[in-house]
Amino acid sequence: MNHIARFVEEVVEVFHSRIVDEGKLGAFVVLASFLVSFVGVRVITHAVRRGSRFVRNVRVGGTHVHHLVPGIVLLLVTGYLAFAFGYGDHPVVAALFGVGAALTLDEFALWLNLRDVYWERAGRRSVHVVLSAAATGALVVIGLDFWEAVLRAFARLIQRV
């Protein structure tokens, strides 16, 4: 077995023992969908700003609908499903919650300033909030032991190479 394949096998083992077996899969899905969605939103907003022909701002009756609006809707719907029906650990509900959180927190500076500062210096607060939320999720919710085990597997890979 090559070194990379062994590393992947070790990480999969760690994932099952530290995430799946410990009941943290829902939290992991929230974190993963949150990060992927945040990157996706940033790519899309930069494309809109550059004047892309493929993506544009959403407007309803001449009013710009900020992406925190569908984010809030997703948070409300998934939160209700989680609490009212016990679907908090369902992977689809967890993924949609992560998407909603990313859409909402990406426009945190808008809430704080009550005006659109997305492309201004004050808009960086949203990025800081997202990075703080991601770091908190990665370390506290997922657990430091998971990341330590992944780093140990990576160190073994480096030693083998």
Foldseek 3Di string as FASTA:
>chain_A
DDLVVVLVVLLVVLCCVQQVVVPNQLLVLLLVLLVVLLVVVVVLVVCQVVPHPPHHFDDDPNHGDQLLVVLVVLCVVLVCCCPVVVCSSPSVSSNSNSNSVNSNLQQVLCVVVVHDCCPPPSSCVSVVVSVVVSVCSVDPSSHPVSVVSSVVSVVVSVVVD
